[in-house]
Protein backbone atom coordinates (compact mmCIF):
# COMPACT_ATOMS: atom_id res chain seq x y z
CA MET A 1 -0.02 -0.06 0.10
CA LYS A 2 1.33 3.45 -0.92
CA CYS A 3 1.37 5.84 1.96
CA ARG A 4 3.45 9.02 2.96
CA ASP A 5 4.09 7.70 6.40
CA LYS A 6 4.54 4.04 6.46
CA ASP A 7 5.11 3.79 10.26
CA LEU A 8 1.88 5.63 10.97
CA LEU A 9 0.02 3.30 8.56
CA ALA A 10 1.44 0.20 10.36
CA LEU A 11 0.33 1.69 13.65
CA ILE A 12 -3.23 2.09 12.50
CA LYS A 13 -3.12 -1.35 10.81
CA TYR A 14 -2.52 -2.97 14.16
CA THR A 15 -4.69 -0.63 16.28
CA THR A 16 -8.06 -2.17 17.61
CA ASP A 17 -11.13 -1.72 15.41
CA GLU A 18 -12.63 0.50 17.91
CA ASP A 19 -9.75 3.06 17.76
CA LYS A 20 -8.97 2.90 13.89
CA ASP A 21 -11.56 5.60 13.01
CA GLU A 22 -10.17 8.04 15.51
CA LYS A 23 -6.60 7.58 14.59
CA ILE A 24 -7.34 7.99 10.85
CA LEU A 25 -9.19 11.06 11.46
CA GLU A 26 -6.33 12.29 13.52
CA ASN A 27 -3.80 11.40 10.87
CA GLN A 28 -5.60 12.08 7.67
CA LYS A 29 -2.28 11.92 5.54
CA VAL A 30 -2.79 8.18 5.54
CA LEU A 31 -5.89 8.43 3.31
CA LYS A 32 -5.29 8.27 -0.49
CA THR A 33 -6.70 11.34 -2.17
CA PRO A 34 -8.56 12.51 -3.97
CA VAL A 35 -11.77 10.64 -3.35
CA VAL A 36 -14.01 11.36 -6.37
CA ARG A 37 -17.63 10.56 -6.12
CA ASN A 38 -20.33 10.17 -8.78
CA GLY A 39 -23.44 9.16 -7.09
CA LYS A 40 -22.94 5.77 -5.56
CA GLN A 41 -19.80 5.33 -7.34
CA ALA A 42 -16.28 6.41 -5.94
CA THR A 43 -12.63 6.16 -6.66
CA ALA A 44 -9.54 6.81 -4.49
CA GLY A 45 -6.63 8.52 -6.21
CA TYR A 46 -6.26 9.88 -9.64
CA GLN A 47 -8.31 7.66 -12.05
CA PRO A 48 -9.19 9.54 -15.08
CA ASP A 49 -9.86 6.36 -17.27
CA ILE A 50 -12.56 5.31 -14.80
CA TRP A 51 -14.02 8.81 -14.56
CA LYS A 52 -14.54 8.91 -18.33
CA LYS A 53 -16.67 5.66 -18.09
CA TRP A 54 -19.08 7.19 -15.63
CA ARG A 55 -22.53 8.27 -16.78
């Protein structure tokens, strides 16, 4: 998985499920961006080929 901070990602990976959401919100740099939405469809990261197929 690609991430700017691999140590932080490892910490979140082994954090209990109850605490993961809070850790991710505190450290949003582990999220892949942009998140692009089209109705019920979404992509993470730069995906222009997929976006072209959306109607």
